[in-house]
Amino acid sequence: MPYLSIRGARLYYEDTGGSGEPVLFSHGLLWDSRLFHRQVEALRGHYRCIVYDHRGQGLSEPPPGDSVIDLRTVYEDAVAVIQALGLAPCHFVGQSMGGFVGLRLAARHPELLRSLALLDSSAAAELPLTLARYRVLTTLTHWLGLRPVVDRIMSLYFGRTFMRDPERAAERALLRRQLVANPRAVWRAMQGVIHRRSVEGELHRIQTPTLVLVGDEDAVTVPEVAERLHQRIRGARLRRLSCGGHMCILEQPQAVNVALGDFLEEVERTSLQEEVLAAVN
């Protein structure tokens, strides 16, 4: 299995290869690179698609000891992945936690990105009330694993339409098992995410073409949060998907694929037009 040894950790990744523009996918908390398999299948014919697991999640190794894996570390890992694989400038697709990473990349290292897609994500820190609730979930996970809290996490992550659909019961059961399979040590990543700092004060720096996508049933990063991102990132596009919760990428994969494909094509077309104009002038 392919690993990158960077910054004292071994990060698992997969790369479709090819000559197309690179698209780097960054997954959400408690998931891994498998989250994007439908997007990779949809895009790999035209783009080089790379997925990777954040340290301490999926098949990537956690750092030694018992310390929290803070978001700054995860963001710096993303910088190192892009540099190690020679991807710059790349399209970056971040879901939830992955979007937290993408915002920091776009604000602090714009030279690394060609575009940014934020799926059910936010620039803000957690509010005091939600932080208190998430601390309870993290503490329980630390001592008991995810099994005692998995039903609560499912109800947070997925919208009511998905959770109530009898035809998707088997899909829900599979996703529940995937969450439970996380090791207890995943609390280290959970702690880092819930205590992240706001980057709302950095949004004015982002010049990268940006897509903001949100499910209208998202209870974690509610649609109003996406609206704020749309308003504060210059030129950002906003897509709101019906019947989708925080995991639109799993609940409405085809709609996500269409939105993402249209966005990437628009960025590519605009870039080509700019190159032609520059050549003429």
Protein backbone atom coordinates (compact mmCIF):
# COMPACT_ATOMS: atom_id res chain seq x y z
CA MET A 1 0.00 0.00 0.00
CA PRO A 2 1.31 3.48 -0.87
CA TYR A 3 2.38 5.71 2.00
CA LEU A 4 4.00 9.12 2.23
CA SER A 5 6.50 9.57 5.05
CA ILE A 6 6.20 13.23 5.96
CA ARG A 7 6.58 15.25 9.11
CA GLY A 8 7.09 12.25 11.35
CA ALA A 9 4.04 10.33 10.12
CA ARG A 10 3.17 7.80 7.43
CA LEU A 11 0.10 8.94 5.51
CA TYR A 12 -1.84 6.51 3.34
CA TYR A 13 -2.84 7.77 -0.10
CA GLU A 14 -4.15 6.60 -3.46
CA ASP A 15 -3.41 8.23 -6.81
CA THR A 16 -5.22 7.43 -10.06
CA GLY A 17 -2.39 8.96 -12.08
CA GLY A 18 -2.99 10.34 -15.54
CA SER A 19 -2.20 13.59 -17.30
CA GLY A 20 -5.26 15.53 -16.17
CA GLU A 21 -5.18 18.36 -13.66
CA PRO A 22 -4.76 16.99 -10.12
CA VAL A 23 -7.67 16.95 -7.68
CA LEU A 24 -6.79 16.33 -4.02
CA PHE A 25 -9.60 15.11 -1.75
CA SER A 26 -9.55 15.71 2.03
CA HIS A 27 -12.06 13.73 4.11
CA GLY A 28 -14.16 14.57 7.15
CA LEU A 29 -13.70 13.56 10.77
CA LEU A 30 -14.29 9.85 11.56
CA TRP A 31 -14.12 8.88 7.89
CA ASP A 32 -11.22 8.20 5.52
CA SER A 33 -10.28 8.36 1.85
CA ARG A 34 -13.02 5.85 0.91
CA LEU A 35 -15.48 8.70 1.44
CA PHE A 36 -14.73 9.98 -2.07
CA HIS A 37 -14.88 6.77 -4.09
CA ARG A 38 -17.91 7.88 -6.11
CA GLN A 39 -16.36 11.26 -6.88
CA VAL A 40 -13.09 9.63 -7.93
CA GLU A 41 -14.94 7.23 -10.23
CA ALA A 42 -16.84 10.14 -11.79
CA LEU A 43 -13.79 12.37 -12.32
CA ARG A 44 -10.86 10.05 -12.97
CA GLY A 45 -11.41 9.97 -16.72
CA HIS A 46 -10.60 13.67 -16.97
CA TYR A 47 -8.60 14.44 -13.81
CA ARG A 48 -5.79 12.91 -11.78
CA CYS A 49 -7.51 12.11 -8.48
CA ILE A 50 -5.61 11.75 -5.20
CA VAL A 51 -7.14 10.78 -1.87
CA TYR A 52 -5.35 10.45 1.45
CA ASP A 53 -6.10 9.65 5.09
CA HIS A 54 -5.43 12.26 7.77
CA ARG A 55 -2.93 11.19 10.41
CA GLY A 56 -4.58 9.06 13.06
CA GLN A 57 -7.52 8.20 10.79
CA GLY A 58 -8.09 5.50 8.20
CA LEU A 59 -4.86 3.71 7.32
CA SER A 60 -2.59 6.62 8.25
CA GLU A 61 -0.56 6.20 11.39
CA PRO A 62 -1.12 8.39 14.44
CA PRO A 63 1.88 10.22 15.88
CA PRO A 64 3.48 8.53 18.91
CA GLY A 65 2.18 9.28 22.36
CA ASP A 66 -1.29 10.32 23.44
CA SER A 67 -1.37 13.95 22.35
CA VAL A 68 -4.20 15.71 20.52
CA ILE A 69 -3.90 15.87 16.72
CA ASP A 70 -4.61 19.56 16.27
CA LEU A 71 -5.95 21.04 13.05
CA ARG A 72 -2.79 23.05 12.42
CA THR A 73 -0.90 19.76 12.15
CA VAL A 74 -3.47 18.33 9.73
CA TYR A 75 -3.31 21.50 7.61
CA GLU A 76 0.49 21.36 7.51
CA ASP A 77 0.24 17.72 6.46
CA ALA A 78 -1.87 18.80 3.48
CA VAL A 79 0.77 21.33 2.45
CA ALA A 80 3.39 18.58 2.66
CA VAL A 81 1.27 16.12 0.64
CA ILE A 82 0.80 18.64 -2.18
CA GLN A 83 4.52 19.40 -2.22
CA ALA A 84 5.67 15.78 -1.93
CA LEU A 85 3.49 14.64 -4.84
CA GLY A 86 4.18 17.73 -6.95
CA LEU A 87 0.49 18.60 -7.26
CA ALA A 88 0.61 22.40 -7.14
CA PRO A 89 -1.50 24.08 -8.22
CA CYS A 90 -4.26 21.53 -7.64
CA HIS A 91 -8.00 21.48 -7.22
CA PHE A 92 -8.83 20.79 -3.56
CA VAL A 93 -12.05 19.15 -2.41
CA GLY A 94 -12.63 19.16 1.36
CA GLN A 95 -15.58 17.65 3.20
CA SER A 96 -16.26 19.12 6.68
CA MET A 97 -12.86 18.70 8.44
CA GLY A 98 -11.26 18.56 4.99
CA GLY A 99 -12.86 21.92 4.25
CA PHE A 100 -11.30 23.35 7.41
CA VAL A 101 -7.96 22.32 5.89
CA GLY A 102 -8.82 23.72 2.48
CA LEU A 103 -9.75 27.15 3.85
CA ARG A 104 -6.38 27.41 5.58
CA LEU A 105 -4.58 26.37 2.40
CA ALA A 106 -6.43 28.91 0.27
CA ALA A 107 -5.83 31.75 2.73
CA ARG A 108 -2.19 30.97 3.54
CA HIS A 109 -0.81 29.13 0.48
CA PRO A 110 -2.83 30.29 -2.53
CA GLU A 111 -0.02 29.21 -4.85
CA LEU A 112 -0.82 25.58 -4.05
CA LEU A 113 -4.45 25.67 -5.24
CA ARG A 114 -6.21 26.06 -8.56
CA SER A 115 -9.67 25.81 -6.99
CA LEU A 116 -11.37 25.01 -3.68
CA ALA A 117 -14.58 23.03 -3.09
CA LEU A 118 -16.02 23.14 0.43
CA LEU A 119 -18.59 20.44 1.14
CA ASP A 120 -20.62 21.01 4.33
CA SER A 121 -17.82 22.95 5.99
CA SER A 122 -17.17 26.13 7.98
CA ALA A 123 -14.58 28.79 8.79
CA ALA A 124 -15.85 29.35 12.33
CA ALA A 125 -14.83 27.86 15.65
CA GLU A 126 -17.38 25.77 17.53
CA LEU A 127 -19.96 27.69 19.54
CA PRO A 128 -19.72 27.19 23.33
CA LEU A 129 -22.89 25.07 23.53
CA THR A 130 -21.95 22.72 20.68
CA LEU A 131 -18.37 22.55 21.97
CA ALA A 132 -19.64 21.31 25.34
CA ARG A 133 -21.72 18.62 23.63
CA TYR A 134 -18.84 17.52 21.41
CA ARG A 135 -16.53 17.32 24.43
CA VAL A 136 -18.87 14.74 25.95
CA LEU A 137 -18.81 12.68 22.74
CA THR A 138 -15.02 12.93 22.57
CA THR A 139 -14.56 11.93 26.22
CA LEU A 140 -16.81 8.91 25.83
CA THR A 141 -14.93 7.90 22.68
CA HIS A 142 -11.62 8.25 24.53
CA TRP A 143 -12.66 5.77 27.22
CA LEU A 144 -15.21 3.54 25.50
CA GLY A 145 -14.79 3.90 21.75
CA LEU A 146 -17.44 5.10 19.32
CA ARG A 147 -19.99 2.33 19.86
CA PRO A 148 -21.82 4.02 22.79
CA VAL A 149 -22.18 7.28 20.83
CA VAL A 150 -22.53 6.06 17.26
CA ASP A 151 -26.30 6.55 17.09
CA ARG A 152 -25.91 10.15 18.26
CA ILE A 153 -23.21 10.73 15.65
CA MET A 154 -25.38 9.21 12.91
CA SER A 155 -28.22 11.56 13.85
CA LEU A 156 -25.84 14.53 13.67
CA TYR A 157 -24.12 13.56 10.44
CA PHE A 158 -27.10 12.49 8.34
CA GLY A 159 -30.25 14.38 7.43
CA ARG A 160 -33.72 13.25 8.40
CA THR A 161 -34.61 12.26 4.83
CA PHE A 162 -31.73 9.79 4.64
CA MET A 163 -32.25 8.51 8.18
CA ARG A 164 -35.96 7.82 7.62
CA ASP A 165 -35.75 6.26 4.15
CA PRO A 166 -36.60 2.53 4.52
CA GLU A 167 -34.90 1.75 1.21
CA ARG A 168 -31.55 2.94 2.57
CA ALA A 169 -31.56 0.92 5.79
CA ALA A 170 -28.77 -1.38 4.60
CA GLU A 171 -26.68 1.64 3.62
CA ARG A 172 -27.18 3.18 7.05
CA ALA A 173 -26.15 -0.07 8.73
CA LEU A 174 -22.95 -0.21 6.66
CA LEU A 175 -22.03 3.38 7.50
CA ARG A 176 -22.76 2.75 11.17
CA ARG A 177 -20.36 -0.20 11.15
CA GLN A 178 -17.74 1.92 9.44
CA LEU A 179 -18.00 4.55 12.18
CA VAL A 180 -17.83 1.97 14.97
CA ALA A 181 -14.68 0.50 13.38
CA ASN A 182 -12.74 3.67 14.25
CA PRO A 183 -10.18 2.93 16.97
CA ARG A 184 -10.57 4.61 20.35
CA ALA A 185 -7.49 6.70 19.53
CA VAL A 186 -9.57 8.66 17.01
CA TRP A 187 -10.52 10.85 19.98
CA ARG A 188 -7.20 12.61 19.39
CA ALA A 189 -8.39 13.87 16.01
CA MET A 190 -11.86 14.64 17.40
CA GLN A 191 -10.33 16.81 20.10
CA GLY A 192 -8.24 18.70 17.57
CA VAL A 193 -11.23 19.42 15.33
CA ILE A 194 -13.65 20.61 17.99
CA HIS A 195 -11.04 22.97 19.49
CA ARG A 196 -10.00 24.47 16.14
CA ARG A 197 -9.61 28.23 15.84
CA SER A 198 -11.77 30.36 13.60
CA VAL A 199 -10.31 31.47 10.26
CA GLU A 200 -13.16 33.85 9.45
CA GLY A 201 -10.69 36.72 9.74
CA GLU A 202 -8.64 35.20 6.91
CA LEU A 203 -11.44 34.76 4.37
CA HIS A 204 -10.76 38.12 2.71
CA ARG A 205 -7.40 36.74 1.55
CA ILE A 206 -8.93 33.93 -0.49
CA GLN A 207 -8.78 34.62 -4.22
CA THR A 208 -9.00 30.98 -5.28
CA PRO A 209 -12.17 30.06 -7.23
CA THR A 210 -14.39 28.50 -4.58
CA LEU A 211 -17.49 26.32 -4.52
CA VAL A 212 -19.51 26.22 -1.29
CA LEU A 213 -21.89 23.25 -1.15
CA VAL A 214 -24.28 22.46 1.70
CA GLY A 215 -27.21 20.17 2.40
CA ASP A 216 -30.42 21.89 3.43
CA GLU A 217 -30.77 19.41 6.33
CA ASP A 218 -27.22 19.86 7.63
CA ALA A 219 -27.40 20.22 11.43
CA VAL A 220 -23.62 20.41 12.00
CA THR A 221 -22.68 23.21 9.62
CA VAL A 222 -26.11 24.66 8.96
CA PRO A 223 -26.94 26.35 5.62
CA GLU A 224 -26.56 29.80 7.20
CA VAL A 225 -22.87 28.98 7.77
CA ALA A 226 -22.50 28.22 4.06
CA GLU A 227 -24.22 31.50 3.25
CA ARG A 228 -21.63 33.37 5.30
CA LEU A 229 -18.79 31.63 3.47
CA HIS A 230 -20.43 32.48 0.15
CA GLN A 231 -20.72 36.14 1.13
CA ARG A 232 -17.21 36.52 2.54
CA ILE A 233 -15.15 34.63 -0.05
CA ARG A 234 -14.83 36.79 -3.13
CA GLY A 235 -16.53 35.26 -6.17
CA ALA A 236 -17.58 32.07 -4.38
CA ARG A 237 -20.36 29.94 -5.89
CA LEU A 238 -23.03 28.46 -3.61
CA ARG A 239 -24.92 25.22 -4.20
CA ARG A 240 -27.58 24.10 -1.72
CA LEU A 241 -28.71 20.49 -2.08
CA SER A 242 -32.16 19.38 -1.02
CA CYS A 243 -32.62 16.34 1.22
CA GLY A 244 -29.00 16.31 2.30
CA GLY A 245 -27.50 16.48 5.79
CA HIS A 246 -23.89 16.99 6.83
CA MET A 247 -22.84 14.02 4.69
CA CYS A 248 -24.26 15.17 1.35
CA ILE A 249 -21.40 13.32 -0.27
CA LEU A 250 -22.93 10.03 0.94
CA GLU A 251 -26.60 11.01 0.97
CA GLN A 252 -26.69 12.69 -2.46
CA PRO A 253 -23.53 11.49 -4.26
CA GLN A 254 -24.87 12.05 -7.77
CA ALA A 255 -25.92 15.62 -7.01
CA VAL A 256 -22.49 16.27 -5.47
CA ASN A 257 -20.81 14.82 -8.57
CA VAL A 258 -22.81 17.08 -10.87
CA ALA A 259 -22.10 20.19 -8.80
CA LEU A 260 -18.41 19.37 -8.51
CA GLY A 261 -18.03 18.46 -12.17
CA ASP A 262 -19.76 21.65 -13.31
CA PHE A 263 -17.56 23.74 -11.01
CA LEU A 264 -14.30 22.17 -12.17
CA GLU A 265 -15.30 22.58 -15.81
CA GLU A 266 -16.12 26.25 -15.18
CA VAL A 267 -12.73 26.82 -13.52
CA GLU A 268 -10.97 25.06 -16.37
CA ARG A 269 -12.88 27.06 -19.00
CA THR A 270 -12.21 30.38 -17.25
CA SER A 271 -8.53 29.55 -16.89
CA LEU A 272 -8.26 28.76 -20.60
CA GLN A 273 -9.99 32.02 -21.53
CA GLU A 274 -7.58 33.97 -19.32
CA GLU A 275 -4.60 32.26 -20.95
CA VAL A 276 -5.90 33.14 -24.42
CA LEU A 277 -6.47 36.78 -23.44
CA ALA A 278 -3.01 36.98 -21.90
CA ALA A 279 -1.45 35.58 -25.09
CA VAL A 280 -3.36 38.07 -27.27
CA ASN A 281 -2.34 41.03 -25.11
